[in-house]
Protein backbone atom coordinates (compact mmCIF):
# COMPACT_ATOMS: atom_id res chain seq x y z
CA ALA A 1 -37.41 -34.91 -12.87
CA SER A 2 -35.12 -33.90 -15.73
CA ASP A 3 -33.15 -36.19 -18.07
CA THR A 4 -30.09 -35.71 -15.85
CA GLY A 5 -31.84 -37.31 -12.90
CA LEU A 6 -31.92 -33.99 -11.05
CA ALA A 7 -35.17 -32.43 -9.93
CA ASP A 8 -36.47 -29.44 -11.85
CA GLU A 9 -38.92 -26.67 -10.97
CA ASP A 10 -41.96 -28.76 -11.87
CA THR A 11 -40.95 -31.65 -9.63
CA PRO A 12 -43.42 -32.29 -6.77
CA ILE A 13 -41.79 -31.62 -3.43
CA ASN A 14 -42.74 -35.08 -2.15
CA GLU A 15 -40.71 -36.65 -5.01
CA LEU A 16 -37.48 -35.00 -3.84
CA ALA A 17 -34.81 -37.26 -2.41
CA GLU A 18 -34.73 -35.00 0.64
CA VAL A 19 -38.27 -36.13 1.60
CA SER A 20 -38.32 -39.33 3.64
CA VAL A 21 -41.97 -39.07 4.71
CA ASP A 22 -44.45 -37.27 2.43
CA LEU A 23 -45.59 -33.84 3.47
CA VAL A 24 -49.33 -33.37 3.95
CA ASP A 25 -51.56 -30.33 3.67
CA GLY A 26 -50.69 -27.83 6.38
CA ASP A 27 -47.06 -28.89 6.85
CA GLU A 28 -44.79 -25.83 7.00
CA ILE A 29 -41.27 -24.90 5.90
CA ASN A 30 -39.75 -21.92 7.69
CA ILE A 31 -37.88 -19.46 5.41
CA SER A 32 -35.34 -17.22 7.17
CA GLY A 33 -32.24 -15.25 6.24
CA THR A 34 -31.05 -11.75 5.33
CA ASN A 35 -31.54 -9.45 2.36
CA PRO A 36 -28.53 -7.95 0.50
CA ASP A 37 -28.69 -4.88 2.78
CA GLY A 38 -28.64 -7.03 5.91
CA SER A 39 -32.32 -6.72 6.81
CA VAL A 40 -33.93 -9.84 8.31
CA VAL A 41 -36.14 -12.17 6.26
CA SER A 42 -38.78 -14.39 7.87
CA SER A 43 -41.60 -16.21 6.10
CA THR A 44 -43.40 -19.55 5.99
CA PHE A 45 -44.24 -21.89 3.10
CA THR A 46 -47.39 -23.91 3.81
CA TYR A 47 -47.67 -27.17 1.84
CA GLY A 48 -50.90 -28.00 0.03
CA THR A 49 -52.79 -27.36 -3.19
CA THR A 50 -55.05 -24.90 -1.40
CA ASN A 51 -52.11 -23.32 0.40
CA ASP A 52 -48.76 -22.11 -1.08
CA GLY A 53 -48.34 -25.13 -3.38
CA THR A 54 -46.86 -28.58 -3.75
CA THR A 55 -44.03 -28.26 -6.31
CA VAL A 56 -40.49 -26.94 -6.24
CA VAL A 57 -41.43 -23.86 -8.29
CA ASP A 58 -44.10 -23.01 -5.70
CA LEU A 59 -41.44 -23.04 -2.98
CA VAL A 60 -39.06 -20.97 -5.15
CA ASP A 61 -41.77 -18.37 -5.79
CA LYS A 62 -42.49 -18.13 -2.07
CA ILE A 63 -38.81 -17.62 -1.33
CA GLU A 64 -38.49 -14.87 -3.97
CA ASP A 65 -41.55 -13.11 -2.53
CA ALA A 66 -39.96 -13.20 0.92
CA PHE A 67 -36.72 -11.51 -0.18
CA THR A 68 -36.10 -7.99 -1.51
CA GLY A 69 -33.62 -7.31 -4.32
CA VAL A 70 -33.05 -11.03 -4.88
CA THR A 71 -34.06 -13.45 -7.63
CA ALA A 72 -34.69 -17.08 -6.67
CA SER A 73 -34.26 -19.94 -9.14
CA PHE A 74 -33.80 -23.71 -9.15
CA GLU A 75 -30.54 -24.80 -10.80
CA ASP A 76 -28.78 -28.17 -10.81
CA GLY A 77 -30.96 -29.51 -8.05
CA LYS A 78 -30.56 -26.50 -5.74
CA ILE A 79 -32.47 -23.34 -4.94
CA VAL A 80 -30.19 -20.45 -5.93
CA LEU A 81 -30.46 -16.84 -4.73
CA THR A 82 -28.92 -14.15 -6.95
CA ASP A 83 -28.72 -10.49 -5.97
CA ASP A 84 -30.32 -8.19 -8.53
CA GLU A 85 -27.42 -5.73 -8.32
CA ALA A 86 -23.66 -6.24 -8.19
CA GLY A 87 -21.71 -5.18 -5.11
CA GLU A 88 -21.30 -6.14 -1.48
CA SER A 89 -24.10 -8.35 -0.18
CA GLN A 90 -25.27 -9.96 3.04
CA THR A 91 -27.76 -12.31 1.40
CA SER A 92 -28.31 -15.60 3.23
CA ILE A 93 -31.10 -18.19 3.47
CA SER A 94 -32.06 -21.04 5.74
CA LEU A 95 -34.93 -23.53 5.21
CA ASN A 96 -36.20 -25.56 8.15
CA ALA A 97 -39.10 -28.01 8.38
CA MET A 98 -41.33 -27.33 11.36
CA PRO A 99 -41.12 -30.06 14.05
CA THR A 100 -44.94 -30.30 14.16
CA ASN A 101 -45.05 -31.50 10.53
CA THR A 102 -46.45 -34.91 9.66
CA GLY A 103 -43.99 -35.34 6.79
CA THR A 104 -40.20 -35.35 7.06
CA ILE A 105 -37.86 -33.36 4.78
CA SER A 106 -34.13 -32.62 5.14
CA LEU A 107 -33.27 -29.24 3.62
CA TYR A 108 -29.57 -29.08 4.52
CA GLY A 109 -27.54 -28.26 1.39
CA PHE A 110 -30.70 -27.63 -0.64
CA THR A 111 -29.93 -23.92 -1.14
CA ASN A 112 -27.08 -21.86 -2.55
CA THR A 113 -26.26 -18.14 -2.78
CA VAL A 114 -24.19 -16.64 -5.57
CA ALA A 115 -22.75 -13.22 -6.38
CA GLY A 116 -24.88 -10.49 -7.88
CA ARG A 117 -25.74 -10.34 -11.54
CA ASP A 118 -22.74 -9.76 -13.77
CA ALA A 119 -23.61 -6.18 -14.61
CA GLY A 120 -20.89 -4.54 -16.66
CA SER A 121 -19.13 -1.81 -14.75
CA HIS A 122 -16.35 0.65 -15.42
CA SER A 123 -14.64 3.19 -13.19
CA ALA A 124 -12.66 6.31 -14.05
CA SER A 125 -11.11 8.98 -11.87
CA ILE A 126 -10.11 12.61 -12.28
CA PHE A 127 -8.26 15.05 -10.05
CA VAL A 128 -9.94 18.25 -8.88
CA TYR A 129 -8.49 21.08 -6.80
CA ASP A 130 -10.12 23.13 -4.08
CA SER A 131 -9.67 26.84 -3.36
CA LEU A 132 -6.54 26.13 -1.30
CA GLY A 133 -4.91 24.11 -4.06
CA ASN A 134 -5.45 20.73 -2.37
CA ARG A 135 -6.02 17.82 -4.75
CA HIS A 136 -9.02 15.51 -4.47
CA THR A 137 -9.83 12.33 -6.39
CA VAL A 138 -13.28 12.07 -7.95
CA GLU A 139 -14.04 8.49 -9.05
CA ILE A 140 -17.03 7.80 -11.29
CA THR A 141 -18.35 4.24 -11.53
CA PHE A 142 -20.60 3.33 -14.47
CA THR A 143 -22.81 0.24 -14.07
CA LYS A 144 -24.86 -1.35 -16.86
CA ALA A 145 -28.58 -1.14 -16.21
CA ASP A 146 -31.26 -3.60 -17.35
CA ASP A 147 -32.67 -1.13 -19.89
CA PRO A 148 -30.93 -1.23 -23.30
CA ASN A 149 -28.20 1.39 -23.88
CA THR A 150 -28.54 2.62 -20.31
CA TRP A 151 -25.98 2.88 -17.52
CA THR A 152 -26.12 4.28 -14.03
CA TRP A 153 -23.25 6.30 -12.60
CA GLU A 154 -22.18 7.22 -9.09
CA VAL A 155 -19.40 9.45 -7.76
CA GLU A 156 -17.08 8.77 -4.84
CA VAL A 157 -14.73 11.48 -3.53
CA ASP A 158 -11.35 10.60 -1.99
CA GLY A 159 -12.27 6.95 -1.63
CA GLY A 160 -15.41 7.73 0.34
CA LEU A 161 -13.70 9.99 2.91
CA ILE A 162 -15.78 12.93 1.65
CA SER A 163 -19.54 12.56 1.14
CA PRO A 164 -21.03 14.54 -1.78
CA THR A 165 -24.18 16.51 -1.02
CA ALA A 166 -25.66 16.76 -4.53
CA GLY A 167 -25.21 15.57 -8.10
CA TYR A 168 -23.33 12.41 -7.19
CA LYS A 169 -25.38 9.80 -9.07
CA GLY A 170 -27.53 9.55 -12.16
CA ARG A 171 -28.06 7.85 -15.51
CA VAL A 172 -26.47 7.96 -18.93
CA THR A 173 -28.18 6.72 -22.09
CA PHE A 174 -26.82 6.13 -25.57
CA ASN A 175 -28.31 6.11 -29.05
CA ASN A 176 -28.26 2.93 -31.14
CA ASP A 177 -25.19 4.20 -33.03
CA GLY A 178 -23.24 4.50 -29.76
CA SER A 179 -23.40 8.29 -29.49
CA LEU A 180 -24.44 9.98 -26.26
CA ALA A 181 -28.18 10.50 -25.81
CA ALA A 182 -28.33 12.01 -22.32
CA PHE A 183 -26.19 12.37 -19.20
CA THR A 184 -28.24 13.40 -16.17
CA SER A 185 -28.01 13.41 -12.40
CA ASP A 186 -30.90 12.18 -10.29
CA ASP A 187 -31.38 15.59 -8.66
CA ASN A 188 -30.51 17.66 -11.77
CA GLN A 189 -27.68 19.38 -9.90
CA PRO A 190 -23.92 19.56 -10.44
CA LEU A 191 -21.62 17.56 -8.19
CA LYS A 192 -21.27 19.35 -4.86
CA PHE A 193 -19.16 18.52 -1.81
CA ASP A 194 -17.31 20.22 1.04
CA PRO A 195 -13.55 19.48 0.80
CA GLY A 196 -12.96 20.60 4.40
CA SER A 197 -9.68 22.01 5.78
CA GLY A 198 -11.05 25.54 5.42
CA ALA A 199 -11.46 25.36 1.63
CA ASP A 200 -14.57 26.70 -0.08
CA PRO A 201 -17.38 24.24 -0.94
CA MET A 202 -16.88 22.83 -4.43
CA GLU A 203 -19.27 22.65 -7.36
CA ILE A 204 -18.16 20.57 -10.35
CA ARG A 205 -19.98 20.24 -13.65
CA LEU A 206 -19.32 16.91 -15.34
CA ASP A 207 -19.37 17.45 -19.11
CA ALA A 208 -20.03 14.12 -20.83
CA GLY A 209 -20.29 15.62 -24.33
CA ARG A 210 -23.00 16.76 -26.71
CA SER A 211 -26.16 14.75 -27.30
CA GLY A 212 -26.00 12.84 -30.60
CA ALA A 213 -22.26 13.46 -31.00
CA PHE A 214 -19.12 11.42 -30.45
CA ASP A 215 -17.14 14.19 -28.72
CA GLY A 216 -17.68 12.81 -25.21
CA ILE A 217 -18.45 9.42 -23.72
CA THR A 218 -19.66 6.78 -26.17
CA GLN A 219 -20.87 3.18 -26.12
CA LEU A 220 -18.97 1.18 -28.71
CA SER A 221 -17.79 -2.39 -29.11
CA ALA A 222 -14.41 -1.89 -27.44
CA PRO A 223 -12.84 -2.14 -23.98
CA SER A 224 -14.06 0.63 -21.66
CA THR A 225 -11.67 3.55 -21.25
CA THR A 226 -12.36 7.02 -19.89
CA ILE A 227 -10.09 10.06 -19.67
CA ALA A 228 -10.62 13.66 -18.60
CA SER A 229 -9.90 15.58 -21.81
CA TYR A 230 -10.24 18.98 -20.15
CA GLN A 231 -10.39 20.43 -16.67
CA ASP A 232 -10.10 24.02 -15.50
CA GLY A 233 -8.51 23.38 -12.12
CA HIS A 234 -4.92 22.97 -11.00
CA GLY A 235 -2.85 22.68 -7.86
CA MET A 236 -0.89 25.44 -6.18
CA GLY A 237 2.11 26.72 -8.14
CA VAL A 238 5.02 29.10 -7.48
CA LEU A 239 6.18 31.62 -10.07
CA SER A 240 9.27 30.15 -11.73
CA GLY A 241 9.92 32.55 -14.62
CA ILE A 242 8.60 35.33 -16.84
CA SER A 243 8.73 36.09 -20.55
CA ILE A 244 7.74 39.04 -22.76
CA ASP A 245 6.35 38.57 -26.25
CA ALA A 246 6.30 40.89 -29.26
CA GLN A 247 2.93 42.36 -28.22
CA GLY A 248 4.26 43.29 -24.78
CA ARG A 249 2.44 40.63 -22.79
CA ILE A 250 4.34 39.63 -19.64
CA THR A 251 3.61 35.94 -19.02
CA GLY A 252 4.51 34.08 -15.85
CA THR A 253 5.17 30.34 -15.73
CA PHE A 254 4.49 28.38 -12.56
CA THR A 255 5.80 25.16 -11.04
CA ASN A 256 2.44 23.42 -11.54
CA GLY A 257 2.89 23.58 -15.32
CA THR A 258 0.49 26.46 -15.92
CA SER A 259 1.16 29.90 -17.37
CA GLN A 260 -0.71 33.16 -16.97
CA VAL A 261 -0.48 36.68 -18.40
CA LEU A 262 0.54 38.87 -15.47
CA ALA A 263 0.82 42.31 -17.08
CA GLN A 264 0.79 44.21 -20.37
CA ILE A 265 3.36 46.72 -21.62
CA VAL A 266 1.68 49.71 -23.26
CA LEU A 267 3.23 52.17 -25.69
CA ALA A 268 2.83 55.95 -25.89
CA ASN A 269 3.05 57.98 -29.09
CA PHE A 270 3.40 61.78 -29.25
CA THR A 271 2.50 64.17 -32.01
CA ASN A 272 5.86 65.93 -31.59
CA LYS A 273 8.45 63.56 -30.19
CA GLU A 274 11.12 66.27 -30.38
CA GLY A 275 9.12 68.29 -27.88
CA LEU A 276 9.72 65.78 -25.08
CA LYS A 277 11.89 66.92 -22.19
CA LYS A 278 14.81 64.72 -21.18
CA ALA A 279 14.45 63.65 -17.56
CA GLY A 280 17.68 61.66 -17.21
CA ASN A 281 19.06 58.39 -18.53
CA ASN A 282 16.42 57.12 -20.98
CA LEU A 283 13.50 58.90 -19.33
CA PHE A 284 11.50 61.71 -20.93
CA GLU A 285 8.70 63.98 -19.78
CA LEU A 286 5.85 65.34 -21.84
CA THR A 287 5.60 69.07 -22.41
CA ALA A 288 3.11 71.43 -23.97
CA ASN A 289 5.21 71.24 -27.11
CA SER A 290 5.11 67.43 -27.30
CA GLY A 291 1.36 67.09 -26.98
CA ASP A 292 -0.59 64.54 -24.97
CA PRO A 293 0.40 60.85 -25.19
CA ILE A 294 -1.58 58.45 -27.37
CA ILE A 295 -1.67 55.13 -25.46
CA GLY A 296 -1.89 51.81 -27.31
CA LEU A 297 -0.59 48.28 -27.72
CA ALA A 298 2.16 46.98 -29.96
CA GLY A 299 0.76 45.18 -32.98
CA THR A 300 -2.77 46.38 -32.21
CA ASN A 301 -2.83 50.17 -32.03
CA PHE A 302 0.68 50.75 -33.36
CA PRO A 303 2.38 49.00 -36.31
CA THR A 304 5.37 47.96 -34.26
CA ILE A 305 6.61 45.10 -32.08
CA ILE A 306 8.55 44.83 -28.85
CA THR A 307 11.91 43.04 -28.85
CA PRO A 308 12.55 41.91 -25.27
CA GLY A 309 16.14 41.91 -24.00
CA ALA A 310 17.36 44.45 -26.58
CA LEU A 311 18.33 48.13 -26.32
CA GLU A 312 16.63 50.61 -28.58
CA LEU A 313 19.01 53.16 -30.15
CA SER A 314 16.82 56.11 -29.22
CA ASN A 315 16.97 55.08 -25.56
CA VAL A 316 20.80 55.02 -25.42
CA ASP A 317 22.76 58.09 -24.20
CA LEU A 318 25.63 58.11 -26.71
CA VAL A 319 27.64 60.71 -24.78
CA ARG A 320 27.46 58.63 -21.62
CA GLU A 321 28.36 55.45 -23.45
CA PHE A 322 31.37 57.05 -25.20
CA THR A 323 32.54 58.57 -21.91
CA ASP A 324 32.36 55.19 -20.18
CA MET A 325 34.28 53.61 -23.06
CA ILE A 326 37.03 56.28 -22.90
CA VAL A 327 37.36 55.92 -19.13
CA THR A 328 37.65 52.15 -19.50
CA GLN A 329 40.27 52.52 -22.22
CA ARG A 330 42.33 55.00 -20.18
CA GLY A 331 42.21 52.69 -17.20
CA PHE A 332 43.53 49.84 -19.31
CA GLN A 333 46.32 52.04 -20.65
CA ALA A 334 47.29 53.16 -17.12
CA ASN A 335 47.45 49.57 -15.93
CA ALA A 336 49.58 48.69 -18.95
CA ARG A 337 52.03 51.49 -18.12
CA VAL A 338 52.31 50.27 -14.52
CA ILE A 339 53.17 46.79 -15.77
CA THR A 340 55.78 48.25 -18.18
CA THR A 341 57.41 50.32 -15.41
CA THR A 342 57.50 47.38 -13.03
CA ASP A 343 59.09 45.21 -15.71
CA ALA A 344 61.82 47.80 -16.36
CA MET A 345 62.58 48.09 -12.63
CA LEU A 346 62.95 44.33 -12.30
CA ASP A 347 65.34 44.23 -15.26
CA GLU A 348 67.47 46.93 -13.61
CA VAL A 349 67.58 45.03 -10.31
CA ILE A 350 68.73 41.89 -12.10
CA ARG A 351 71.55 43.74 -13.85
CA ILE A 352 72.74 45.29 -10.55
CA ARG A 353 73.01 41.84 -8.95
CA ARG A 354 75.08 40.62 -11.84
């Protein structure tokens, strides 16, 4: 027994307070229960120096041999079972002395089960989008492994509603300075899953950074945080506006916050611009006298820029513009004369009434 009065691993079983009549060689203790995965456990400890043993540690060793994924120990006067991995567990144990035994032992309350080992874990999630623009949540859970600087990772899609088919779990290792050493999947494939709803199967490459660098995930003495610094997917968007830059690029902006170049304005230069034939308004046609057009881009092939929303003088028909201005002016003058005539007539009517 220990200094606290509690039994320890080296204590003979027959010295336990639970034993009222000493066990003899051949007496048996039935070990039953369930493993963490729910599978049934059934074994027998046979008392005796030529059998399974006579001390508490002998019984603990027999129990640990009977279970899978569980570590057995003797703490504070009780046999304790601890799952080797964190997570949901169905571990249970029951010890019963066989009724045919010569000795008598009461094992009620002699065992205890506790949660799995306190393995550090961290979860992070990112949004991905399928070919139809539907958003899916990819959650990655990192769990500290027993090996130094090593973690395991596993992916869950949409809270487990979608089951990945490849590349959904693996290992990540770090160098002693905290930089990334390797990020691998168990099957050496990218993450693959079928999003359903008629969308194309998805293949996602998780980029954890460069080996030996600090540009991706790291292992440092700080609270765990993970963000997606870059992703090349986005949800469905509707065109909300367009703009034209000095190089003639027509860019569309969409309601999902993205922008995309939709078209490119090209320029044409002629050896003899005066040889062009006017086709109406600000349109011209090439002729044999003008030569063939030389096609290029503003700022690249030609030393010029495009000013969107402005009229170029050479594209304005001055005769048409002056004619429109004169017509507008004459109309204003005619309306003014009508007002003057009406005013004079009203004055005359007022004088007649007087």
